[in-house]
N, C-alpha and C. Protein backbone atom coordinates (compact mmCIF):
# COMPACT_ATOMS: atom_id res chain seq x y z
N MET A 1 138.86 180.25 111.49
CA MET A 1 139.94 181.09 111.01
C MET A 1 140.77 180.27 110.05
N GLU A 2 141.08 180.84 108.91
CA GLU A 2 141.99 180.21 107.97
C GLU A 2 143.27 181.03 107.93
N ILE A 3 144.36 180.34 107.73
CA ILE A 3 145.66 181.00 107.71
C ILE A 3 146.44 180.48 106.52
N ARG A 4 146.96 181.39 105.73
CA ARG A 4 147.82 181.02 104.60
C ARG A 4 149.22 181.54 104.89
N ILE A 5 150.21 180.69 104.68
CA ILE A 5 151.61 181.05 104.90
C ILE A 5 152.35 180.88 103.59
N ASN A 6 153.11 181.89 103.22
CA ASN A 6 153.93 181.83 102.01
C ASN A 6 155.30 182.41 102.29
N TYR A 7 156.31 181.78 101.73
CA TYR A 7 157.67 182.33 101.80
C TYR A 7 157.91 183.09 100.51
N ASP A 8 158.37 184.33 100.63
CA ASP A 8 158.67 185.18 99.48
C ASP A 8 160.18 185.28 99.33
N PRO A 9 160.76 184.53 98.38
CA PRO A 9 162.22 184.55 98.24
C PRO A 9 162.77 185.91 97.79
N ILE A 10 161.96 186.70 97.11
CA ILE A 10 162.43 188.01 96.65
C ILE A 10 162.71 188.93 97.83
N SER A 11 161.79 188.96 98.77
CA SER A 11 161.99 189.83 99.94
C SER A 11 162.58 189.05 101.13
N ASN A 12 162.79 187.74 100.94
CA ASN A 12 163.30 186.87 102.00
C ASN A 12 162.45 187.01 103.26
N SER A 13 161.14 186.89 103.07
CA SER A 13 160.23 187.07 104.19
C SER A 13 159.13 186.02 104.17
N VAL A 14 158.55 185.80 105.33
CA VAL A 14 157.42 184.91 105.47
C VAL A 14 156.17 185.78 105.55
N LYS A 15 155.19 185.46 104.73
CA LYS A 15 153.96 186.23 104.70
C LYS A 15 152.81 185.36 105.19
N MET A 16 152.00 185.92 106.08
CA MET A 16 150.88 185.18 106.64
C MET A 16 149.61 186.00 106.44
N LEU A 17 148.56 185.32 106.03
CA LEU A 17 147.25 185.95 105.86
C LEU A 17 146.26 185.22 106.76
N PHE A 18 145.62 185.96 107.65
CA PHE A 18 144.59 185.42 108.54
C PHE A 18 143.24 185.89 108.02
N PHE A 19 142.32 184.96 107.80
CA PHE A 19 141.01 185.35 107.29
C PHE A 19 139.96 184.33 107.68
N THR A 20 138.72 184.74 107.52
CA THR A 20 137.59 183.85 107.76
C THR A 20 136.54 184.14 106.70
N ARG A 21 135.64 183.22 106.54
CA ARG A 21 134.57 183.37 105.56
C ARG A 21 133.24 183.41 106.29
N GLN A 22 132.41 184.34 105.87
CA GLN A 22 131.04 184.42 106.40
C GLN A 22 130.12 184.59 105.21
N GLY A 23 129.46 183.50 104.85
CA GLY A 23 128.62 183.52 103.65
C GLY A 23 129.50 183.74 102.43
N ASN A 24 129.17 184.77 101.65
CA ASN A 24 129.97 185.11 100.47
C ASN A 24 131.10 186.08 100.78
N ASP A 25 131.18 186.52 102.03
CA ASP A 25 132.19 187.51 102.41
C ASP A 25 133.46 186.83 102.91
N ILE A 26 134.59 187.47 102.61
CA ILE A 26 135.88 187.07 103.17
C ILE A 26 136.31 188.22 104.07
N ILE A 27 136.59 187.89 105.32
CA ILE A 27 136.98 188.90 106.29
C ILE A 27 138.44 188.64 106.65
N VAL A 28 139.29 189.65 106.41
CA VAL A 28 140.73 189.49 106.65
C VAL A 28 141.15 190.29 107.87
N VAL A 29 142.22 189.84 108.50
CA VAL A 29 142.84 190.59 109.59
C VAL A 29 143.73 191.65 108.95
N ARG A 30 143.62 192.86 109.43
CA ARG A 30 144.44 193.95 108.88
C ARG A 30 145.92 193.66 109.09
N PRO A 31 146.77 194.14 108.19
CA PRO A 31 148.21 193.92 108.34
C PRO A 31 148.73 194.47 109.67
N VAL A 32 149.68 193.76 110.24
CA VAL A 32 150.31 194.14 111.50
C VAL A 32 151.79 194.34 111.23
N LYS A 33 152.34 195.45 111.68
CA LYS A 33 153.78 195.67 111.55
C LYS A 33 154.47 195.20 112.82
N PHE A 34 155.49 194.40 112.64
CA PHE A 34 156.31 194.00 113.78
C PHE A 34 157.37 195.08 113.94
N GLU A 35 157.19 195.91 114.94
CA GLU A 35 158.16 196.96 115.23
C GLU A 35 158.74 196.71 116.61
N PHE A 36 160.03 196.68 116.70
CA PHE A 36 160.68 196.38 117.96
C PHE A 36 161.02 197.67 118.68
N GLU A 37 160.94 197.62 120.00
CA GLU A 37 161.15 198.78 120.85
C GLU A 37 161.89 198.32 122.09
N ARG A 38 162.94 199.03 122.44
CA ARG A 38 163.68 198.71 123.66
C ARG A 38 162.94 199.33 124.84
N ILE A 39 162.72 198.51 125.87
CA ILE A 39 162.04 199.01 127.06
C ILE A 39 162.88 198.70 128.29
N GLY A 40 162.61 199.42 129.35
CA GLY A 40 163.33 199.19 130.60
C GLY A 40 162.82 197.94 131.29
N PRO A 41 163.60 197.43 132.24
CA PRO A 41 163.23 196.18 132.91
C PRO A 41 161.94 196.28 133.72
N GLN A 42 161.57 197.47 134.15
CA GLN A 42 160.37 197.63 134.97
C GLN A 42 159.14 198.04 134.16
N GLN A 43 159.33 198.28 132.86
CA GLN A 43 158.21 198.71 132.04
C GLN A 43 157.34 197.52 131.63
N LEU A 44 156.06 197.69 131.77
CA LEU A 44 155.13 196.67 131.32
C LEU A 44 154.55 197.10 129.98
N ARG A 45 154.36 196.16 129.12
CA ARG A 45 153.80 196.43 127.81
C ARG A 45 152.57 195.58 127.60
N GLU A 46 151.71 196.06 126.73
CA GLU A 46 150.55 195.27 126.34
C GLU A 46 151.03 194.10 125.49
N PRO A 47 150.25 193.02 125.46
CA PRO A 47 150.63 191.87 124.63
C PRO A 47 150.72 192.27 123.15
N THR A 48 151.57 191.58 122.42
CA THR A 48 151.69 191.84 120.99
C THR A 48 150.40 191.50 120.28
N PHE A 49 149.79 190.37 120.63
CA PHE A 49 148.51 189.96 120.04
C PHE A 49 147.51 189.67 121.15
N VAL A 50 146.29 190.04 120.91
CA VAL A 50 145.18 189.66 121.77
C VAL A 50 144.09 189.13 120.85
N PHE A 51 143.73 187.87 121.03
CA PHE A 51 142.70 187.26 120.19
C PHE A 51 141.41 187.18 120.98
N GLY A 52 140.35 187.73 120.42
CA GLY A 52 139.05 187.66 121.06
C GLY A 52 138.50 186.25 121.06
N HIS A 53 137.47 186.03 121.85
CA HIS A 53 136.93 184.68 122.00
C HIS A 53 136.44 184.09 120.67
N GLU A 54 136.03 184.93 119.74
CA GLU A 54 135.53 184.40 118.47
C GLU A 54 136.64 183.75 117.63
N PHE A 55 137.89 184.13 117.88
CA PHE A 55 139.02 183.54 117.15
C PHE A 55 140.00 182.84 118.09
N GLY A 56 140.08 183.29 119.31
CA GLY A 56 141.09 182.81 120.24
C GLY A 56 141.03 181.34 120.56
N ASP A 57 139.82 180.77 120.52
CA ASP A 57 139.69 179.36 120.88
C ASP A 57 140.47 178.44 119.94
N ASN A 58 140.52 178.78 118.67
CA ASN A 58 141.13 177.88 117.69
C ASN A 58 142.34 178.46 116.98
N ILE A 59 142.71 179.69 117.26
CA ILE A 59 143.75 180.36 116.48
C ILE A 59 145.09 179.63 116.55
N LEU A 60 145.47 179.13 117.71
CA LEU A 60 146.76 178.45 117.81
C LEU A 60 146.74 177.12 117.06
N GLU A 61 145.63 176.42 117.15
CA GLU A 61 145.49 175.16 116.41
C GLU A 61 145.51 175.42 114.90
N ASP A 62 144.81 176.47 114.47
CA ASP A 62 144.80 176.82 113.05
C ASP A 62 146.19 177.23 112.58
N LEU A 63 146.90 177.96 113.41
CA LEU A 63 148.26 178.38 113.06
C LEU A 63 149.19 177.18 112.98
N ALA A 64 149.07 176.26 113.93
CA ALA A 64 149.90 175.05 113.91
C ALA A 64 149.61 174.23 112.65
N SER A 65 148.35 174.12 112.27
CA SER A 65 147.98 173.38 111.06
C SER A 65 148.56 174.04 109.81
N ALA A 66 148.49 175.37 109.76
CA ALA A 66 149.04 176.09 108.60
C ALA A 66 150.55 175.90 108.51
N ILE A 67 151.22 175.94 109.65
CA ILE A 67 152.67 175.75 109.67
C ILE A 67 153.02 174.33 109.21
N ALA A 68 152.29 173.36 109.72
CA ALA A 68 152.55 171.96 109.33
C ALA A 68 152.28 171.74 107.85
N SER A 69 151.24 172.37 107.31
CA SER A 69 150.92 172.18 105.89
C SER A 69 151.99 172.77 104.98
N GLU A 70 152.78 173.70 105.51
CA GLU A 70 153.90 174.26 104.75
C GLU A 70 155.16 173.40 104.88
N GLY A 71 155.06 172.33 105.67
CA GLY A 71 156.20 171.43 105.84
C GLY A 71 157.23 171.94 106.82
N ILE A 72 156.88 172.92 107.63
CA ILE A 72 157.81 173.47 108.61
C ILE A 72 157.80 172.55 109.83
N LYS A 73 158.96 172.05 110.18
CA LYS A 73 159.08 171.11 111.29
C LYS A 73 159.68 171.82 112.51
N THR A 74 159.19 171.43 113.67
CA THR A 74 159.74 171.97 114.91
C THR A 74 160.74 170.98 115.49
N GLU A 75 161.43 171.38 116.52
CA GLU A 75 162.37 170.49 117.20
C GLU A 75 161.63 169.28 117.77
N THR A 76 160.42 169.51 118.27
CA THR A 76 159.61 168.42 118.80
C THR A 76 159.26 167.42 117.70
N ASP A 77 158.92 167.94 116.50
CA ASP A 77 158.62 167.06 115.38
C ASP A 77 159.82 166.17 115.06
N ALA A 78 161.01 166.75 115.08
CA ALA A 78 162.22 165.99 114.78
C ALA A 78 162.45 164.90 115.83
N LYS A 79 162.20 165.22 117.10
CA LYS A 79 162.36 164.22 118.17
C LYS A 79 161.36 163.09 118.00
N ILE A 80 160.12 163.44 117.69
CA ILE A 80 159.09 162.42 117.49
C ILE A 80 159.46 161.53 116.30
N GLN A 81 159.93 162.14 115.20
CA GLN A 81 160.31 161.37 114.03
C GLN A 81 161.47 160.44 114.36
N GLY A 82 162.43 160.92 115.14
CA GLY A 82 163.56 160.09 115.55
C GLY A 82 163.11 158.90 116.39
N THR A 83 162.17 159.14 117.29
CA THR A 83 161.63 158.07 118.12
C THR A 83 160.88 157.05 117.27
N LEU A 84 160.08 157.54 116.33
CA LEU A 84 159.35 156.64 115.44
C LEU A 84 160.30 155.80 114.59
N ASP A 85 161.35 156.44 114.07
CA ASP A 85 162.32 155.70 113.26
C ASP A 85 163.02 154.62 114.09
N ALA A 86 163.41 154.96 115.32
CA ALA A 86 164.08 153.99 116.19
C ALA A 86 163.13 152.83 116.53
N THR A 87 161.87 153.15 116.80
CA THR A 87 160.87 152.11 117.10
C THR A 87 160.67 151.20 115.90
N ARG A 88 160.58 151.79 114.73
CA ARG A 88 160.40 151.01 113.50
C ARG A 88 161.57 150.06 113.29
N GLU A 89 162.79 150.56 113.50
CA GLU A 89 163.98 149.70 113.34
C GLU A 89 163.99 148.59 114.39
N HIS A 90 163.60 148.92 115.61
CA HIS A 90 163.56 147.91 116.68
C HIS A 90 162.54 146.82 116.34
N LEU A 91 161.37 147.22 115.86
CA LEU A 91 160.35 146.23 115.49
C LEU A 91 160.83 145.35 114.33
N ALA A 92 161.52 145.95 113.38
CA ALA A 92 162.05 145.17 112.26
C ALA A 92 163.06 144.14 112.77
N ASP A 93 163.92 144.56 113.70
CA ASP A 93 164.90 143.63 114.28
C ASP A 93 164.20 142.51 115.04
N MET A 94 163.17 142.85 115.81
CA MET A 94 162.43 141.84 116.57
C MET A 94 161.73 140.85 115.63
N GLN A 95 161.18 141.35 114.54
CA GLN A 95 160.53 140.46 113.57
C GLN A 95 161.54 139.48 112.98
N LYS A 96 162.72 139.98 112.68
CA LYS A 96 163.76 139.10 112.13
C LYS A 96 164.10 138.00 113.13
N LEU A 97 164.26 138.38 114.40
CA LEU A 97 164.59 137.39 115.42
C LEU A 97 163.48 136.35 115.57
N VAL A 98 162.25 136.78 115.61
CA VAL A 98 161.12 135.86 115.82
C VAL A 98 160.96 134.95 114.61
N PHE A 99 160.96 135.52 113.41
CA PHE A 99 160.69 134.71 112.23
C PHE A 99 161.88 133.84 111.85
N GLU A 100 163.11 134.29 112.11
CA GLU A 100 164.27 133.48 111.82
C GLU A 100 164.32 132.26 112.75
N LYS A 101 163.93 132.43 114.01
CA LYS A 101 163.92 131.31 114.96
C LYS A 101 162.85 130.30 114.60
N ARG A 102 161.71 130.76 114.10
CA ARG A 102 160.62 129.85 113.71
C ARG A 102 161.02 129.01 112.50
N ILE A 103 161.75 129.63 111.57
CA ILE A 103 162.15 128.94 110.34
C ILE A 103 163.19 127.86 110.64
N LYS A 104 164.09 128.09 111.57
CA LYS A 104 165.18 127.16 111.86
C LYS A 104 164.71 125.94 112.56
């Protein structure tokens, strides 16, 4: 499954295209309308999306890759980056201590 994500500043919307290739054919997922509906607390609804086994195995990974390729960062990404930055600074400080002591 391939996924393309584009931000449309004119309509202020995010557009996503889900498709796959089979030989010379391109097979696209039909457009889905996100329509919201108020339901009672006891009402059960069908899932918004159901992915069959032919796409379900990799769809979340493909979606995550498409999101990352657009440069969209999650809160987890920010935490990881902060940890990496702190580790990098700590290692730089440790290198200074080790090499400055050797020189003296």
